[in-house]
Amino acid sequence: MDDKVNLSFDEMWDKIIDCDKKYDGLFFTAVKTTKIYCRPSCRSRKPKKINVEFYFDINKVENAGFRACKRCQPEVNHSPHIELVRSVISFLVNHYKQKLVLQDIAKHAGVSAFYLERLFKQETTETPRTYLEKMRIDKAVHLLKCTDLTNLEICYDIGFQSPSNFYKVFRRLRNCSPSEYRNFIANELGDELV
């Protein structure tokens, strides 16, 4: 099993700036100047980007000489099921481009689909499907900001099987269409350059 998630430095940076709880336990943010490491969702003051390193394993970050943040307590597992949930989230992050159904995810986790959905919702307050949709839209937002790919190319690149579903989910989660979002980002960047 591959527990390392396929996220770029900039994507992980975006997650810590947004205090995104979806990625807790999948990677840790280590601050070189303070020698402290945190969860992605930590609400502490954000460090300078150049002072940050990311680790995927808690033992490696601690062996590198970093100590746990007292605010977010990244070394503490708050649930006996957290390892199963982290394994599923890691699987979703690494396979988001593929067509995934609950049965595939449950098979990976080694539990029944019913048990997985109930446990996952209990731990994250979301179903695996809605969690996957949010991850895909996070990836779409990153691609809209950083690439010139068309909306259709992004739709298929991030694992949606139909453009209409992509647009519907994007609008539900971001309150705008992908094109509106890209225009908003372009205008925002244009204003910064002036």
N, C-alpha and C. Protein backbone atom coordinates (compact mmCIF):
# COMPACT_ATOMS: atom_id res chain seq x y z
N MET A 1 0.84 -1.19 0.00
CA MET A 1 0.00 0.00 0.00
C MET A 1 0.88 1.24 0.00
N ASP A 2 0.58 2.21 -0.85
CA ASP A 2 1.33 3.45 -0.95
C ASP A 2 0.60 4.52 -0.17
N ASP A 3 1.21 4.93 0.97
CA ASP A 3 0.56 5.93 1.81
C ASP A 3 0.93 7.35 1.43
N LYS A 4 1.97 7.51 0.61
CA LYS A 4 2.36 8.86 0.19
C LYS A 4 1.36 9.39 -0.81
N VAL A 5 0.89 10.59 -0.58
CA VAL A 5 -0.11 11.19 -1.47
C VAL A 5 0.57 11.94 -2.59
N ASN A 6 -0.06 11.96 -3.75
CA ASN A 6 0.47 12.63 -4.92
C ASN A 6 -0.02 14.07 -4.97
N LEU A 7 0.57 14.92 -4.18
CA LEU A 7 0.24 16.34 -4.17
C LEU A 7 1.54 17.12 -4.34
N SER A 8 1.49 18.17 -5.12
CA SER A 8 2.67 19.02 -5.30
C SER A 8 2.86 19.90 -4.06
N PHE A 9 4.03 20.51 -3.95
CA PHE A 9 4.31 21.42 -2.85
C PHE A 9 3.26 22.53 -2.81
N ASP A 10 2.96 23.10 -3.98
CA ASP A 10 1.99 24.20 -4.03
C ASP A 10 0.59 23.76 -3.61
N GLU A 11 0.21 22.54 -3.99
CA GLU A 11 -1.11 22.04 -3.57
C GLU A 11 -1.15 21.86 -2.05
N MET A 12 -0.08 21.30 -1.48
CA MET A 12 -0.05 21.13 -0.03
C MET A 12 -0.03 22.50 0.66
N TRP A 13 0.69 23.45 0.08
CA TRP A 13 0.70 24.81 0.63
C TRP A 13 -0.72 25.39 0.66
N ASP A 14 -1.45 25.21 -0.45
CA ASP A 14 -2.84 25.69 -0.50
C ASP A 14 -3.69 25.06 0.59
N LYS A 15 -3.45 23.77 0.86
CA LYS A 15 -4.23 23.07 1.90
C LYS A 15 -3.97 23.66 3.28
N ILE A 16 -2.71 24.01 3.58
CA ILE A 16 -2.45 24.56 4.92
C ILE A 16 -2.93 26.00 5.03
N ILE A 17 -2.89 26.74 3.93
CA ILE A 17 -3.41 28.11 3.96
C ILE A 17 -4.93 28.08 4.19
N ASP A 18 -5.61 27.10 3.59
CA ASP A 18 -7.06 26.95 3.76
C ASP A 18 -7.44 26.22 5.05
N CYS A 19 -6.45 25.74 5.81
CA CYS A 19 -6.71 24.94 7.02
C CYS A 19 -7.63 23.76 6.69
N ASP A 20 -7.29 23.05 5.62
CA ASP A 20 -8.14 22.00 5.08
C ASP A 20 -8.03 20.71 5.88
N LYS A 21 -9.07 20.39 6.62
CA LYS A 21 -9.10 19.23 7.50
C LYS A 21 -9.10 17.90 6.73
N LYS A 22 -9.51 17.95 5.44
CA LYS A 22 -9.59 16.72 4.65
C LYS A 22 -8.24 16.01 4.53
N TYR A 23 -7.16 16.74 4.71
CA TYR A 23 -5.83 16.18 4.47
C TYR A 23 -5.06 15.90 5.77
N ASP A 24 -5.71 16.05 6.91
CA ASP A 24 -5.05 15.76 8.18
C ASP A 24 -4.58 14.31 8.21
N GLY A 25 -3.34 14.11 8.64
CA GLY A 25 -2.78 12.78 8.74
C GLY A 25 -2.14 12.28 7.47
N LEU A 26 -2.43 12.91 6.34
CA LEU A 26 -1.82 12.47 5.08
C LEU A 26 -0.46 13.11 4.87
N PHE A 27 -0.29 14.31 5.39
CA PHE A 27 1.02 14.95 5.39
C PHE A 27 1.09 15.90 6.57
N PHE A 28 2.32 16.29 6.89
CA PHE A 28 2.56 17.18 8.01
C PHE A 28 3.38 18.37 7.53
N THR A 29 3.09 19.53 8.08
CA THR A 29 3.80 20.76 7.75
C THR A 29 4.86 21.00 8.81
N ALA A 30 6.12 21.01 8.39
CA ALA A 30 7.22 21.26 9.33
C ALA A 30 7.79 22.65 9.04
N VAL A 31 7.94 23.44 10.09
CA VAL A 31 8.47 24.79 9.95
C VAL A 31 9.92 24.78 10.40
N LYS A 32 10.83 25.07 9.47
CA LYS A 32 12.27 24.98 9.73
C LYS A 32 12.72 25.96 10.81
N THR A 33 12.13 27.13 10.88
CA THR A 33 12.60 28.15 11.82
C THR A 33 12.18 27.86 13.26
N THR A 34 11.01 27.26 13.45
CA THR A 34 10.53 26.99 14.81
C THR A 34 10.75 25.54 15.23
N LYS A 35 11.04 24.67 14.24
CA LYS A 35 11.23 23.22 14.47
C LYS A 35 9.94 22.59 15.02
N ILE A 36 8.79 23.09 14.56
CA ILE A 36 7.48 22.56 14.97
C ILE A 36 6.79 22.00 13.73
N TYR A 37 6.04 20.90 13.90
CA TYR A 37 5.23 20.37 12.80
C TYR A 37 3.76 20.35 13.20
N CYS A 38 2.91 20.52 12.16
CA CYS A 38 1.46 20.65 12.38
C CYS A 38 0.66 19.80 11.40
N ARG A 39 -0.62 19.71 11.67
CA ARG A 39 -1.59 19.16 10.72
C ARG A 39 -1.88 20.21 9.66
N PRO A 40 -2.38 19.80 8.47
CA PRO A 40 -2.78 20.80 7.47
C PRO A 40 -3.88 21.74 7.97
N SER A 41 -4.70 21.28 8.91
CA SER A 41 -5.83 22.09 9.37
C SER A 41 -5.50 23.00 10.54
N CYS A 42 -4.25 23.03 10.96
CA CYS A 42 -3.87 23.83 12.13
C CYS A 42 -4.22 25.31 11.91
N ARG A 43 -4.78 25.92 12.93
CA ARG A 43 -5.21 27.32 12.85
C ARG A 43 -4.14 28.30 13.33
N SER A 44 -2.96 27.80 13.66
CA SER A 44 -1.88 28.69 14.09
C SER A 44 -1.46 29.61 12.96
N ARG A 45 -0.76 30.68 13.30
CA ARG A 45 -0.28 31.62 12.31
C ARG A 45 0.56 30.90 11.26
N LYS A 46 0.36 31.25 10.01
CA LYS A 46 1.02 30.56 8.91
C LYS A 46 2.46 31.05 8.74
N PRO A 47 3.38 30.11 8.51
CA PRO A 47 4.78 30.49 8.33
C PRO A 47 5.03 31.03 6.92
N LYS A 48 6.22 31.54 6.70
CA LYS A 48 6.62 31.92 5.35
C LYS A 48 6.81 30.64 4.54
N LYS A 49 6.44 30.71 3.28
CA LYS A 49 6.49 29.54 2.41
C LYS A 49 7.90 28.94 2.33
N ILE A 50 8.92 29.78 2.34
CA ILE A 50 10.29 29.28 2.21
C ILE A 50 10.77 28.53 3.45
N ASN A 51 10.06 28.67 4.56
CA ASN A 51 10.44 28.01 5.81
C ASN A 51 9.72 26.68 6.02
N VAL A 52 8.97 26.23 5.02
CA VAL A 52 8.13 25.04 5.18
C VAL A 52 8.71 23.83 4.44
N GLU A 53 8.62 22.70 5.10
CA GLU A 53 8.88 21.40 4.49
C GLU A 53 7.67 20.52 4.76
N PHE A 54 7.41 19.59 3.85
CA PHE A 54 6.29 18.68 4.04
C PHE A 54 6.81 17.26 4.23
N TYR A 55 6.22 16.56 5.17
CA TYR A 55 6.55 15.16 5.44
C TYR A 55 5.28 14.34 5.34
N PHE A 56 5.44 13.10 4.89
CA PHE A 56 4.29 12.20 4.76
C PHE A 56 4.21 11.20 5.90
N ASP A 57 5.26 11.14 6.71
CA ASP A 57 5.31 10.16 7.78
C ASP A 57 5.66 10.87 9.09
N ILE A 58 4.88 10.61 10.11
CA ILE A 58 5.08 11.29 11.40
C ILE A 58 6.42 10.91 12.02
N ASN A 59 6.86 9.67 11.81
CA ASN A 59 8.15 9.25 12.37
C ASN A 59 9.30 9.99 11.71
N LYS A 60 9.21 10.21 10.39
CA LYS A 60 10.27 10.92 9.68
C LYS A 60 10.36 12.38 10.11
N VAL A 61 9.22 13.01 10.31
CA VAL A 61 9.24 14.42 10.73
C VAL A 61 9.83 14.53 12.14
N GLU A 62 9.50 13.59 13.01
CA GLU A 62 10.04 13.63 14.37
C GLU A 62 11.53 13.29 14.37
N ASN A 63 11.94 12.32 13.53
CA ASN A 63 13.36 11.97 13.43
C ASN A 63 14.19 13.10 12.84
N ALA A 64 13.55 13.99 12.07
CA ALA A 64 14.24 15.15 11.50
C ALA A 64 14.41 16.26 12.54
N GLY A 65 13.91 16.05 13.76
CA GLY A 65 14.13 17.00 14.83
C GLY A 65 12.99 17.98 15.09
N PHE A 66 11.83 17.74 14.49
CA PHE A 66 10.69 18.62 14.70
C PHE A 66 9.85 18.10 15.87
N ARG A 67 9.22 19.03 16.59
CA ARG A 67 8.33 18.62 17.69
C ARG A 67 6.90 18.99 17.34
N ALA A 68 5.96 18.29 17.95
CA ALA A 68 4.54 18.46 17.63
C ALA A 68 4.01 19.80 18.13
N CYS A 69 3.13 20.38 17.33
CA CYS A 69 2.44 21.62 17.69
C CYS A 69 1.53 21.35 18.88
N LYS A 70 1.53 22.24 19.84
CA LYS A 70 0.68 22.06 21.02
C LYS A 70 -0.77 22.43 20.74
N ARG A 71 -0.99 23.19 19.67
CA ARG A 71 -2.34 23.62 19.35
C ARG A 71 -3.12 22.52 18.62
N CYS A 72 -2.56 21.96 17.54
CA CYS A 72 -3.32 20.97 16.75
C CYS A 72 -3.00 19.53 17.12
N GLN A 73 -1.97 19.29 17.91
CA GLN A 73 -1.58 17.96 18.38
C GLN A 73 -1.59 16.91 17.27
N PRO A 74 -0.69 17.05 16.28
CA PRO A 74 -0.71 16.11 15.16
C PRO A 74 -0.31 14.68 15.53
N GLU A 75 0.33 14.51 16.68
CA GLU A 75 0.76 13.17 17.09
C GLU A 75 -0.35 12.36 17.75
N VAL A 76 -1.49 12.99 18.03
CA VAL A 76 -2.59 12.34 18.74
C VAL A 76 -3.64 11.85 17.75
N ASN A 77 -3.93 10.55 17.81
CA ASN A 77 -5.05 10.00 17.04
C ASN A 77 -6.28 10.07 17.93
N HIS A 78 -7.32 10.71 17.43
CA HIS A 78 -8.51 10.92 18.25
C HIS A 78 -9.56 9.82 18.09
N SER A 79 -9.27 8.83 17.25
CA SER A 79 -10.25 7.78 17.01
C SER A 79 -9.53 6.46 16.73
N PRO A 80 -10.12 5.34 17.15
CA PRO A 80 -9.49 4.05 16.85
C PRO A 80 -9.57 3.69 15.35
N HIS A 81 -10.43 4.38 14.61
CA HIS A 81 -10.62 4.07 13.19
C HIS A 81 -9.83 4.99 12.27
N ILE A 82 -9.03 5.87 12.86
CA ILE A 82 -8.38 6.90 12.06
C ILE A 82 -7.43 6.31 11.01
N GLU A 83 -6.76 5.22 11.30
CA GLU A 83 -5.83 4.63 10.33
C GLU A 83 -6.57 4.11 9.11
N LEU A 84 -7.72 3.49 9.31
CA LEU A 84 -8.53 3.02 8.19
C LEU A 84 -9.00 4.21 7.35
N VAL A 85 -9.46 5.26 7.99
CA VAL A 85 -9.93 6.45 7.28
C VAL A 85 -8.79 7.10 6.52
N ARG A 86 -7.62 7.21 7.14
CA ARG A 86 -6.45 7.78 6.46
C ARG A 86 -6.05 6.95 5.25
N SER A 87 -6.12 5.65 5.40
CA SER A 87 -5.80 4.77 4.27
C SER A 87 -6.77 5.00 3.11
N VAL A 88 -8.04 5.15 3.42
CA VAL A 88 -9.05 5.41 2.38
C VAL A 88 -8.82 6.78 1.75
N ILE A 89 -8.54 7.79 2.56
CA ILE A 89 -8.29 9.12 2.01
C ILE A 89 -7.06 9.13 1.13
N SER A 90 -6.01 8.45 1.57
CA SER A 90 -4.79 8.34 0.77
C SER A 90 -5.10 7.66 -0.57
N PHE A 91 -5.91 6.61 -0.53
CA PHE A 91 -6.32 5.91 -1.74
C PHE A 91 -7.09 6.86 -2.67
N LEU A 92 -8.00 7.64 -2.11
CA LEU A 92 -8.78 8.59 -2.91
C LEU A 92 -7.88 9.66 -3.54
N VAL A 93 -6.94 10.19 -2.77
CA VAL A 93 -6.03 11.21 -3.30
C VAL A 93 -5.18 10.65 -4.44
N ASN A 94 -4.73 9.42 -4.29
CA ASN A 94 -3.85 8.82 -5.30
C ASN A 94 -4.58 8.25 -6.50
N HIS A 95 -5.88 8.04 -6.39
CA HIS A 95 -6.64 7.43 -7.49
C HIS A 95 -7.82 8.27 -7.94
N TYR A 96 -7.81 9.57 -7.64
CA TYR A 96 -8.96 10.42 -7.94
C TYR A 96 -9.26 10.49 -9.43
N LYS A 97 -8.27 10.23 -10.29
CA LYS A 97 -8.49 10.32 -11.74
C LYS A 97 -9.29 9.13 -12.27
N GLN A 98 -9.30 8.05 -11.52
CA GLN A 98 -9.97 6.83 -11.96
C GLN A 98 -11.45 6.88 -11.64
N LYS A 99 -12.20 6.08 -12.38
CA LYS A 99 -13.62 5.93 -12.06
C LYS A 99 -13.69 5.02 -10.83
N LEU A 100 -14.13 5.59 -9.72
CA LEU A 100 -14.19 4.85 -8.46
C LEU A 100 -15.63 4.73 -7.99
N VAL A 101 -15.97 3.54 -7.56
CA VAL A 101 -17.27 3.31 -6.91
C VAL A 101 -16.99 2.84 -5.49
N LEU A 102 -17.99 2.91 -4.66
CA LEU A 102 -17.82 2.56 -3.25
C LEU A 102 -17.24 1.16 -3.07
N GLN A 103 -17.64 0.24 -3.92
CA GLN A 103 -17.14 -1.15 -3.82
C GLN A 103 -15.62 -1.20 -3.99
N ASP A 104 -15.08 -0.41 -4.93
CA ASP A 104 -13.62 -0.38 -5.15
C ASP A 104 -12.90 0.15 -3.91
N ILE A 105 -13.44 1.19 -3.34
CA ILE A 105 -12.83 1.81 -2.17
C ILE A 105 -12.89 0.86 -0.98
N ALA A 106 -14.04 0.21 -0.80
CA ALA A 106 -14.22 -0.74 0.30
C ALA A 106 -13.29 -1.94 0.13
N LYS A 107 -13.12 -2.39 -1.09
CA LYS A 107 -12.21 -3.52 -1.36
C LYS A 107 -10.79 -3.14 -0.97
N HIS A 108 -10.38 -1.94 -1.32
CA HIS A 108 -9.04 -1.47 -0.93
C HIS A 108 -8.90 -1.46 0.59
N ALA A 109 -9.93 -1.00 1.29
CA ALA A 109 -9.88 -0.89 2.75
C ALA A 109 -10.05 -2.23 3.45
N GLY A 110 -10.57 -3.22 2.74
CA GLY A 110 -10.76 -4.54 3.32
C GLY A 110 -11.98 -4.64 4.23
N VAL A 111 -12.98 -3.81 3.96
CA VAL A 111 -14.22 -3.84 4.74
C VAL A 111 -15.40 -3.81 3.77
N SER A 112 -16.60 -4.01 4.29
CA SER A 112 -17.78 -3.95 3.43
C SER A 112 -18.08 -2.50 3.07
N ALA A 113 -18.77 -2.33 1.97
CA ALA A 113 -19.13 -1.00 1.49
C ALA A 113 -20.01 -0.28 2.52
N PHE A 114 -20.98 -1.00 3.09
CA PHE A 114 -21.87 -0.41 4.09
C PHE A 114 -21.09 0.07 5.30
N TYR A 115 -20.19 -0.78 5.82
CA TYR A 115 -19.39 -0.44 7.00
C TYR A 115 -18.48 0.75 6.70
N LEU A 116 -17.85 0.73 5.52
CA LEU A 116 -16.95 1.83 5.16
C LEU A 116 -17.70 3.16 5.10
N GLU A 117 -18.84 3.17 4.43
CA GLU A 117 -19.58 4.42 4.30
C GLU A 117 -20.01 4.96 5.66
N ARG A 118 -20.48 4.08 6.53
CA ARG A 118 -20.93 4.49 7.86
C ARG A 118 -19.76 5.00 8.69
N LEU A 119 -18.64 4.27 8.69
CA LEU A 119 -17.47 4.65 9.46
C LEU A 119 -16.84 5.94 8.93
N PHE A 120 -16.74 6.04 7.61
CA PHE A 120 -16.14 7.23 6.98
C PHE A 120 -16.96 8.47 7.30
N LYS A 121 -18.27 8.34 7.24
CA LYS A 121 -19.14 9.48 7.54
C LYS A 121 -19.05 9.86 9.02
N GLN A 122 -18.92 8.87 9.86
CA GLN A 122 -18.79 9.12 11.30
C GLN A 122 -17.50 9.89 11.58
N GLU A 123 -16.42 9.56 10.89
CA GLU A 123 -15.12 10.20 11.15
C GLU A 123 -14.95 11.54 10.43
N THR A 124 -15.53 11.67 9.22
CA THR A 124 -15.27 12.88 8.42
C THR A 124 -16.52 13.73 8.19
N THR A 125 -17.65 13.25 8.59
CA THR A 125 -18.98 13.87 8.36
C THR A 125 -19.36 13.90 6.88
N GLU A 126 -18.67 13.13 6.05
CA GLU A 126 -18.98 13.06 4.63
C GLU A 126 -18.91 11.62 4.16
N THR A 127 -19.57 11.34 3.05
CA THR A 127 -19.44 10.02 2.45
C THR A 127 -18.16 9.99 1.62
N PRO A 128 -17.65 8.81 1.29
CA PRO A 128 -16.46 8.75 0.43
C PRO A 128 -16.69 9.46 -0.91
N ARG A 129 -17.91 9.38 -1.45
CA ARG A 129 -18.20 10.02 -2.74
C ARG A 129 -18.10 11.55 -2.65
N THR A 130 -18.71 12.14 -1.63
CA THR A 130 -18.65 13.60 -1.50
C THR A 130 -17.22 14.05 -1.19
N TYR A 131 -16.51 13.25 -0.44
CA TYR A 131 -15.10 13.55 -0.13
C TYR A 131 -14.28 13.55 -1.42
N LEU A 132 -14.49 12.54 -2.25
CA LEU A 132 -13.79 12.43 -3.54
C LEU A 132 -14.16 13.61 -4.44
N GLU A 133 -15.41 13.98 -4.47
CA GLU A 133 -15.84 15.14 -5.28
C GLU A 133 -15.12 16.41 -4.82
N LYS A 134 -15.02 16.61 -3.52
CA LYS A 134 -14.35 17.80 -3.00
C LYS A 134 -12.87 17.79 -3.38
N MET A 135 -12.24 16.63 -3.30
CA MET A 135 -10.84 16.52 -3.70
C MET A 135 -10.66 16.84 -5.17
N ARG A 136 -11.56 16.31 -5.99
CA ARG A 136 -11.48 16.57 -7.43
C ARG A 136 -11.67 18.06 -7.73
N ILE A 137 -12.58 18.69 -7.05
CA ILE A 137 -12.80 20.13 -7.27
C ILE A 137 -11.60 20.93 -6.77
N ASP A 138 -10.99 20.51 -5.65
CA ASP A 138 -9.75 21.15 -5.19
C ASP A 138 -8.69 21.09 -6.29
N LYS A 139 -8.57 19.92 -6.91
CA LYS A 139 -7.60 19.73 -7.99
C LYS A 139 -7.98 20.61 -9.19
N ALA A 140 -9.26 20.70 -9.50
CA ALA A 140 -9.71 21.54 -10.62
C ALA A 140 -9.36 23.00 -10.36
N VAL A 141 -9.57 23.46 -9.15
CA VAL A 141 -9.25 24.83 -8.78
C VAL A 141 -7.75 25.09 -8.99
N HIS A 142 -6.94 24.14 -8.56
CA HIS A 142 -5.49 24.27 -8.76
C HIS A 142 -5.15 24.35 -10.25
N LEU A 143 -5.77 23.49 -11.05
CA LEU A 143 -5.49 23.49 -12.49
C LEU A 143 -6.01 24.76 -13.17
N LEU A 144 -7.15 25.26 -12.72
CA LEU A 144 -7.69 26.50 -13.28
C LEU A 144 -6.76 27.67 -12.99
N LYS A 145 -6.13 27.67 -11.82
CA LYS A 145 -5.20 28.74 -11.45
C LYS A 145 -3.87 28.63 -12.19
N CYS A 146 -3.39 27.40 -12.37
CA CYS A 146 -1.99 27.21 -12.77
C CYS A 146 -1.77 26.71 -14.19
N THR A 147 -2.83 26.41 -14.93
CA THR A 147 -2.64 25.87 -16.29
C THR A 147 -3.56 26.60 -17.27
N ASP A 148 -3.33 26.32 -18.53
CA ASP A 148 -4.20 26.83 -19.59
C ASP A 148 -5.12 25.74 -20.13
N LEU A 149 -5.27 24.64 -19.41
CA LEU A 149 -6.15 23.56 -19.86
C LEU A 149 -7.58 24.08 -19.97
N THR A 150 -8.32 23.55 -20.94
CA THR A 150 -9.73 23.93 -21.07
C THR A 150 -10.52 23.28 -19.93
N ASN A 151 -11.73 23.78 -19.72
CA ASN A 151 -12.59 23.21 -18.68
C ASN A 151 -12.87 21.74 -18.96
N LEU A 152 -13.05 21.39 -20.22
CA LEU A 152 -13.32 20.00 -20.59
C LEU A 152 -12.11 19.12 -20.30
N GLU A 153 -10.92 19.61 -20.63
CA GLU A 153 -9.70 18.84 -20.35
C GLU A 153 -9.53 18.64 -18.85
N ILE A 154 -9.81 19.67 -18.08
CA ILE A 154 -9.72 19.56 -16.63
C ILE A 154 -10.75 18.56 -16.10
N CYS A 155 -11.95 18.64 -16.64
CA CYS A 155 -13.03 17.72 -16.23
C CYS A 155 -12.58 16.27 -16.31
N TYR A 156 -12.04 15.89 -17.45
CA TYR A 156 -11.62 14.50 -17.64
C TYR A 156 -10.33 14.19 -16.91
N ASP A 157 -9.45 15.18 -16.79
CA ASP A 157 -8.17 14.97 -16.12
C ASP A 157 -8.35 14.67 -14.64
N ILE A 158 -9.35 15.26 -14.02
CA ILE A 158 -9.55 15.06 -12.58
C ILE A 158 -10.50 13.91 -12.25
N GLY A 159 -10.96 13.20 -13.28
CA GLY A 159 -11.71 11.98 -13.01
C GLY A 159 -13.21 12.04 -13.17
N PHE A 160 -13.75 13.18 -13.55
CA PHE A 160 -15.19 13.22 -13.80
C PHE A 160 -15.48 12.52 -15.12
N GLN A 161 -16.58 11.81 -15.17
CA GLN A 161 -16.94 11.05 -16.36
C GLN A 161 -17.81 11.85 -17.31
N SER A 162 -18.43 12.93 -16.81
CA SER A 162 -19.28 13.75 -17.68
C SER A 162 -19.10 15.23 -17.32
N PRO A 163 -19.04 16.08 -18.35
CA PRO A 163 -18.89 17.52 -18.10
C PRO A 163 -20.06 18.09 -17.30
N SER A 164 -21.28 17.62 -17.55
CA SER A 164 -22.42 18.18 -16.83
C SER A 164 -22.30 17.93 -15.33
N ASN A 165 -21.83 16.74 -14.95
CA ASN A 165 -21.64 16.44 -13.53
C ASN A 165 -20.52 17.31 -12.95
N PHE A 166 -19.45 17.49 -13.71
CA PHE A 166 -18.34 18.35 -13.28
C PHE A 166 -18.84 19.77 -13.00
N TYR A 167 -19.59 20.35 -13.95
CA TYR A 167 -20.09 21.72 -13.79
C TYR A 167 -21.05 21.82 -12.61
N LYS A 168 -21.90 20.80 -12.44
CA LYS A 168 -22.87 20.80 -11.35
C LYS A 168 -22.16 20.76 -9.99
N VAL A 169 -21.18 19.86 -9.86
CA VAL A 169 -20.46 19.73 -8.59
C VAL A 169 -19.61 20.97 -8.32
N PHE A 170 -18.96 21.49 -9.37
CA PHE A 170 -18.14 22.69 -9.21
C PHE A 170 -19.01 23.85 -8.72
N ARG A 171 -20.15 24.05 -9.34
CA ARG A 171 -21.05 25.14 -8.95
C ARG A 171 -21.55 24.94 -7.51
N ARG A 172 -21.87 23.70 -7.15
CA ARG A 172 -22.37 23.43 -5.79
C ARG A 172 -21.29 23.75 -4.74
N LEU A 173 -20.03 23.41 -5.03
CA LEU A 173 -18.97 23.60 -4.04
C LEU A 173 -18.33 24.98 -4.07
N ARG A 174 -18.32 25.64 -5.24
CA ARG A 174 -17.63 26.93 -5.37
C ARG A 174 -18.57 28.10 -5.68
N ASN A 175 -19.85 27.83 -5.83
CA ASN A 175 -20.85 28.86 -6.12
C ASN A 175 -20.59 29.64 -7.40
N CYS A 176 -19.95 29.00 -8.34
CA CYS A 176 -19.71 29.59 -9.67
C CYS A 176 -19.30 28.47 -10.62
N SER A 177 -19.29 28.78 -11.90
CA SER A 177 -18.84 27.80 -12.88
C SER A 177 -17.31 27.82 -12.96
N PRO A 178 -16.69 26.81 -13.55
CA PRO A 178 -15.23 26.84 -13.72
C PRO A 178 -14.76 28.07 -14.51
N SER A 179 -15.49 28.46 -15.54
CA SER A 179 -15.11 29.64 -16.33
C SER A 179 -15.19 30.91 -15.50
N GLU A 180 -16.26 31.03 -14.71
CA GLU A 180 -16.40 32.20 -13.84
C GLU A 180 -15.25 32.25 -12.83
N TYR A 181 -14.88 31.08 -12.31
CA TYR A 181 -13.78 31.02 -11.35
C TYR A 181 -12.47 31.46 -12.00
N ARG A 182 -12.19 30.94 -13.20
CA ARG A 182 -10.96 31.30 -13.91
C ARG A 182 -10.93 32.80 -14.20
N ASN A 183 -12.06 33.37 -14.62
CA ASN A 183 -12.13 34.81 -14.88
C ASN A 183 -11.90 35.62 -13.60
N PHE A 184 -12.47 35.16 -12.51
CA PHE A 184 -12.28 35.82 -11.22
C PHE A 184 -10.80 35.82 -10.83
N ILE A 185 -10.14 34.68 -10.98
CA ILE A 185 -8.71 34.56 -10.65
C ILE A 185 -7.88 35.47 -11.56
N ALA A 186 -8.20 35.48 -12.87
CA ALA A 186 -7.47 36.32 -13.83
C ALA A 186 -7.63 37.79 -13.46
N ASN A 187 -8.85 38.20 -13.12
CA ASN A 187 -9.09 39.61 -12.72
C ASN A 187 -8.36 39.95 -11.43
N GLU A 188 -8.35 39.01 -10.49
CA GLU A 188 -7.67 39.23 -9.22
C GLU A 188 -6.16 39.40 -9.44
N LEU A 189 -5.58 38.54 -10.28
CA LEU A 189 -4.16 38.65 -10.59
C LEU A 189 -3.86 39.92 -11.37
N GLY A 190 -4.76 40.29 -12.27
CA GLY A 190 -4.60 41.52 -13.05
C GLY A 190 -4.58 42.74 -12.15
N ASP A 191 -5.42 42.74 -11.12
CA ASP A 191 -5.47 43.85 -10.17
C ASP A 191 -4.18 43.94 -9.35
N GLU A 192 -3.58 42.78 -9.04
CA GLU A 192 -2.34 42.78 -8.27
C GLU A 192 -1.17 43.31 -9.09
N LEU A 193 -1.20 43.09 -10.40
CA LEU A 193 -0.12 43.53 -11.26
C LEU A 193 -0.17 45.03 -11.53
N VAL A 194 -1.35 45.63 -11.40
CA VAL A 194 -1.50 47.06 -11.67
C VAL A 194 -1.00 47.90 -10.53
